[in-house]
């Protein structure tokens, strides 16, 4: 995964997963799972990033509201997995 032309995260994924990299995000899709990983620009901590998730996702999701948040670890560092409600930004 890259941001601003720099590598920021490298993952090993299942062979059946399709990877779609964008600047600042990564989408992994397979038969049994879909995962989107987003960077929150300028955030120095997980807690700082959490307050800005809706703003970061506005190009893809409108009215995003967190319905579930769980602790996670990515590359040995603390992270959060958030699930929520809202609509696709391009769904009119």
N, C-alpha and C. Protein backbone atom coordinates (compact mmCIF):
# COMPACT_ATOMS: atom_id res chain seq x y z
N UNK A 1 0.85 -1.17 0.00
CA UNK A 1 0.00 0.00 0.00
C UNK A 1 0.90 1.23 0.00
N UNK A 2 0.56 2.20 -0.81
CA UNK A 2 1.35 3.42 -0.90
C UNK A 2 0.51 4.64 -0.53
N UNK A 3 1.21 5.65 -0.07
CA UNK A 3 0.60 6.96 0.14
C UNK A 3 1.64 8.00 -0.25
N UNK A 4 1.27 8.90 -1.12
CA UNK A 4 2.19 9.93 -1.56
C UNK A 4 3.44 9.38 -2.23
N UNK A 5 3.31 8.23 -2.89
CA UNK A 5 4.43 7.63 -3.59
C UNK A 5 5.38 6.84 -2.71
N UNK A 6 5.04 6.66 -1.44
CA UNK A 6 5.90 5.93 -0.50
C UNK A 6 5.19 4.68 0.00
N UNK A 7 5.93 3.58 0.11
CA UNK A 7 5.36 2.37 0.70
C UNK A 7 5.09 2.62 2.18
N UNK A 8 3.86 2.30 2.63
CA UNK A 8 3.51 2.49 4.04
C UNK A 8 3.04 1.20 4.70
N UNK A 9 2.64 0.21 3.90
CA UNK A 9 2.16 -1.05 4.45
C UNK A 9 2.33 -2.15 3.42
N UNK A 10 2.86 -3.28 3.85
CA UNK A 10 3.04 -4.42 2.97
C UNK A 10 2.36 -5.62 3.64
N UNK A 11 1.49 -6.32 2.93
CA UNK A 11 0.72 -7.43 3.47
C UNK A 11 0.88 -8.68 2.62
N UNK A 12 0.69 -9.82 3.25
CA UNK A 12 0.58 -11.09 2.53
C UNK A 12 -0.89 -11.46 2.55
N UNK A 13 -1.46 -11.74 1.39
CA UNK A 13 -2.89 -12.02 1.31
C UNK A 13 -3.12 -13.38 0.66
N UNK A 14 -4.30 -13.97 0.88
CA UNK A 14 -4.61 -15.26 0.24
C UNK A 14 -4.51 -15.17 -1.28
N UNK A 15 -4.17 -16.28 -1.91
CA UNK A 15 -3.97 -16.29 -3.36
C UNK A 15 -5.25 -15.98 -4.13
N UNK A 16 -6.42 -16.24 -3.53
CA UNK A 16 -7.67 -15.96 -4.24
C UNK A 16 -8.14 -14.52 -4.09
N UNK A 17 -7.39 -13.70 -3.36
CA UNK A 17 -7.80 -12.32 -3.12
C UNK A 17 -7.37 -11.41 -4.26
N UNK A 18 -8.29 -10.58 -4.70
CA UNK A 18 -7.98 -9.53 -5.67
C UNK A 18 -7.59 -8.30 -4.88
N UNK A 19 -6.48 -7.67 -5.22
CA UNK A 19 -5.99 -6.48 -4.53
C UNK A 19 -6.13 -5.28 -5.45
N UNK A 20 -6.79 -4.23 -4.95
CA UNK A 20 -6.94 -3.00 -5.71
C UNK A 20 -6.32 -1.87 -4.89
N UNK A 21 -5.07 -1.51 -5.20
CA UNK A 21 -4.43 -0.43 -4.46
C UNK A 21 -4.83 0.94 -5.01
N UNK A 22 -5.02 1.88 -4.09
CA UNK A 22 -5.24 3.28 -4.43
C UNK A 22 -4.29 4.08 -3.55
N UNK A 23 -4.14 5.35 -3.80
CA UNK A 23 -3.28 6.17 -2.98
C UNK A 23 -3.95 6.37 -1.62
N UNK A 24 -3.44 5.70 -0.60
CA UNK A 24 -3.99 5.84 0.75
C UNK A 24 -5.01 4.80 1.13
N UNK A 25 -5.29 3.83 0.26
CA UNK A 25 -6.22 2.77 0.62
C UNK A 25 -5.89 1.50 -0.15
N UNK A 26 -6.42 0.41 0.35
CA UNK A 26 -6.21 -0.89 -0.28
C UNK A 26 -7.49 -1.69 -0.11
N UNK A 27 -7.99 -2.26 -1.20
CA UNK A 27 -9.20 -3.09 -1.16
C UNK A 27 -8.79 -4.51 -1.48
N UNK A 28 -9.16 -5.44 -0.59
CA UNK A 28 -8.91 -6.87 -0.78
C UNK A 28 -10.26 -7.56 -0.89
N UNK A 29 -10.46 -8.33 -1.95
CA UNK A 29 -11.74 -9.00 -2.16
C UNK A 29 -11.50 -10.45 -2.58
N UNK A 30 -12.24 -11.35 -1.95
CA UNK A 30 -12.20 -12.76 -2.33
C UNK A 30 -13.58 -13.35 -2.11
N UNK A 31 -13.71 -14.64 -2.35
CA UNK A 31 -15.01 -15.29 -2.20
C UNK A 31 -15.58 -15.15 -0.80
N UNK A 32 -14.73 -15.20 0.21
CA UNK A 32 -15.20 -15.28 1.58
C UNK A 32 -14.98 -14.02 2.40
N UNK A 33 -14.37 -12.99 1.83
CA UNK A 33 -14.11 -11.79 2.62
C UNK A 33 -13.88 -10.59 1.71
N UNK A 34 -14.24 -9.44 2.22
CA UNK A 34 -13.93 -8.16 1.58
C UNK A 34 -13.39 -7.25 2.67
N UNK A 35 -12.23 -6.67 2.44
CA UNK A 35 -11.59 -5.81 3.43
C UNK A 35 -11.11 -4.54 2.74
N UNK A 36 -11.35 -3.40 3.38
CA UNK A 36 -10.80 -2.15 2.90
C UNK A 36 -9.94 -1.57 4.00
N UNK A 37 -8.72 -1.18 3.64
CA UNK A 37 -7.79 -0.58 4.59
C UNK A 37 -7.55 0.85 4.14
N UNK A 38 -7.75 1.80 5.05
CA UNK A 38 -7.61 3.21 4.73
C UNK A 38 -6.61 3.86 5.68
N UNK A 39 -5.80 4.76 5.16
CA UNK A 39 -4.96 5.61 5.99
C UNK A 39 -5.75 6.86 6.34
N UNK A 40 -5.55 7.37 7.53
CA UNK A 40 -6.16 8.64 7.92
C UNK A 40 -5.03 9.66 7.95
N UNK A 41 -5.03 10.53 6.97
CA UNK A 41 -3.93 11.48 6.78
C UNK A 41 -3.68 12.32 8.04
N UNK A 42 -2.42 12.41 8.42
CA UNK A 42 -2.01 13.27 9.52
C UNK A 42 -2.23 12.69 10.91
N UNK A 43 -2.90 11.58 11.02
CA UNK A 43 -3.14 10.98 12.34
C UNK A 43 -1.86 10.34 12.85
N UNK A 44 -1.54 10.59 14.10
CA UNK A 44 -0.35 10.03 14.72
C UNK A 44 -0.68 8.83 15.59
N UNK A 45 -1.93 8.69 15.98
CA UNK A 45 -2.36 7.57 16.82
C UNK A 45 -3.68 7.01 16.29
N UNK A 46 -4.00 5.81 16.72
CA UNK A 46 -5.27 5.19 16.32
C UNK A 46 -6.43 6.04 16.83
N UNK A 47 -6.38 6.47 18.08
CA UNK A 47 -7.49 7.26 18.63
C UNK A 47 -7.68 8.57 17.88
N UNK A 48 -6.59 9.20 17.46
CA UNK A 48 -6.69 10.43 16.69
C UNK A 48 -7.37 10.16 15.34
N UNK A 49 -7.05 9.04 14.74
CA UNK A 49 -7.62 8.69 13.44
C UNK A 49 -9.11 8.39 13.52
N UNK A 50 -9.54 7.75 14.61
CA UNK A 50 -10.94 7.32 14.71
C UNK A 50 -11.93 8.47 14.57
N UNK A 51 -11.59 9.64 15.09
CA UNK A 51 -12.49 10.78 15.00
C UNK A 51 -12.62 11.35 13.60
N UNK A 52 -11.75 10.92 12.69
CA UNK A 52 -11.78 11.48 11.33
C UNK A 52 -12.13 10.46 10.26
N UNK A 53 -12.55 9.28 10.66
CA UNK A 53 -12.85 8.22 9.70
C UNK A 53 -13.94 8.64 8.71
N UNK A 54 -15.05 9.18 9.21
CA UNK A 54 -16.15 9.57 8.32
C UNK A 54 -15.69 10.57 7.26
N UNK A 55 -14.86 11.52 7.66
CA UNK A 55 -14.35 12.52 6.72
C UNK A 55 -13.47 11.87 5.65
N UNK A 56 -12.61 10.94 6.06
CA UNK A 56 -11.72 10.26 5.12
C UNK A 56 -12.49 9.40 4.12
N UNK A 57 -13.61 8.84 4.54
CA UNK A 57 -14.37 7.92 3.70
C UNK A 57 -15.41 8.61 2.83
N UNK A 58 -15.56 9.93 2.95
CA UNK A 58 -16.69 10.60 2.28
C UNK A 58 -16.68 10.46 0.76
N UNK A 59 -15.52 10.21 0.15
CA UNK A 59 -15.51 10.02 -1.30
C UNK A 59 -16.12 8.68 -1.70
N UNK A 60 -16.19 7.75 -0.77
CA UNK A 60 -16.73 6.41 -1.04
C UNK A 60 -18.07 6.15 -0.35
N UNK A 61 -18.25 6.71 0.86
CA UNK A 61 -19.45 6.44 1.65
C UNK A 61 -20.06 7.74 2.15
N UNK A 62 -21.38 7.82 2.11
CA UNK A 62 -22.06 8.99 2.67
C UNK A 62 -22.77 8.57 3.95
N UNK A 63 -22.79 9.46 4.91
CA UNK A 63 -23.46 9.25 6.19
C UNK A 63 -22.94 8.01 6.92
N UNK A 64 -21.63 7.78 6.88
CA UNK A 64 -21.05 6.62 7.57
C UNK A 64 -21.17 6.81 9.07
N UNK A 65 -21.74 5.82 9.74
CA UNK A 65 -21.88 5.80 11.20
C UNK A 65 -21.35 4.46 11.70
N UNK A 66 -20.43 4.51 12.65
CA UNK A 66 -19.85 3.29 13.21
C UNK A 66 -20.90 2.53 14.02
N UNK A 67 -21.05 1.23 13.72
CA UNK A 67 -21.96 0.38 14.47
C UNK A 67 -21.20 -0.65 15.32
N UNK A 68 -19.94 -0.89 14.97
CA UNK A 68 -19.13 -1.85 15.70
C UNK A 68 -17.66 -1.49 15.53
N UNK A 69 -16.92 -1.54 16.64
CA UNK A 69 -15.49 -1.25 16.60
C UNK A 69 -14.77 -2.30 17.44
N UNK A 70 -13.75 -2.93 16.86
CA UNK A 70 -12.99 -3.95 17.58
C UNK A 70 -11.50 -3.66 17.45
N UNK A 71 -10.75 -4.06 18.47
CA UNK A 71 -9.30 -3.90 18.45
C UNK A 71 -8.70 -4.87 17.45
N UNK A 72 -7.63 -4.44 16.81
CA UNK A 72 -6.92 -5.27 15.84
C UNK A 72 -5.43 -4.94 15.92
N UNK A 73 -4.64 -5.72 15.21
CA UNK A 73 -3.21 -5.46 15.09
C UNK A 73 -2.85 -5.54 13.61
N UNK A 74 -2.17 -4.52 13.11
CA UNK A 74 -1.71 -4.50 11.72
C UNK A 74 -0.22 -4.21 11.75
N UNK A 75 0.54 -5.11 11.16
CA UNK A 75 2.00 -4.98 11.11
C UNK A 75 2.59 -4.80 12.51
N UNK A 76 2.00 -5.49 13.49
CA UNK A 76 2.50 -5.44 14.85
C UNK A 76 2.11 -4.20 15.64
N UNK A 77 1.28 -3.35 15.07
CA UNK A 77 0.87 -2.11 15.73
C UNK A 77 -0.63 -2.10 15.98
N UNK A 78 -1.08 -1.35 17.00
CA UNK A 78 -2.51 -1.31 17.30
C UNK A 78 -3.30 -0.69 16.16
N UNK A 79 -4.48 -1.24 15.93
CA UNK A 79 -5.38 -0.74 14.89
C UNK A 79 -6.80 -0.97 15.38
N UNK A 80 -7.76 -0.50 14.64
CA UNK A 80 -9.18 -0.73 14.92
C UNK A 80 -9.86 -1.20 13.66
N UNK A 81 -10.78 -2.13 13.84
CA UNK A 81 -11.65 -2.53 12.74
C UNK A 81 -13.01 -1.90 13.03
N UNK A 82 -13.49 -1.13 12.10
CA UNK A 82 -14.79 -0.49 12.27
C UNK A 82 -15.75 -0.95 11.20
N UNK A 83 -16.95 -1.24 11.63
CA UNK A 83 -18.04 -1.56 10.72
C UNK A 83 -19.11 -0.51 10.94
N UNK A 84 -19.89 -0.24 9.90
CA UNK A 84 -20.89 0.79 10.08
C UNK A 84 -21.96 0.79 9.02
N UNK A 85 -22.82 1.75 9.16
CA UNK A 85 -23.92 1.91 8.21
C UNK A 85 -23.67 3.17 7.39
N UNK A 86 -24.36 3.26 6.29
CA UNK A 86 -24.23 4.39 5.38
C UNK A 86 -24.47 3.90 3.96
N UNK A 87 -24.32 4.77 3.01
CA UNK A 87 -24.55 4.40 1.62
C UNK A 87 -23.35 4.71 0.76
N UNK A 88 -23.28 4.04 -0.37
CA UNK A 88 -22.22 4.31 -1.34
C UNK A 88 -22.38 5.74 -1.84
N UNK A 89 -21.28 6.47 -1.91
CA UNK A 89 -21.33 7.87 -2.35
C UNK A 89 -21.84 8.01 -3.76
N UNK A 90 -21.63 6.99 -4.60
CA UNK A 90 -22.05 7.09 -6.00
C UNK A 90 -23.44 6.49 -6.24
N UNK A 91 -24.18 6.17 -5.17
CA UNK A 91 -25.52 5.60 -5.32
C UNK A 91 -26.61 6.65 -5.41
N UNK A 92 -26.23 7.91 -5.60
CA UNK A 92 -27.21 8.96 -5.79
C UNK A 92 -27.77 9.40 -4.54
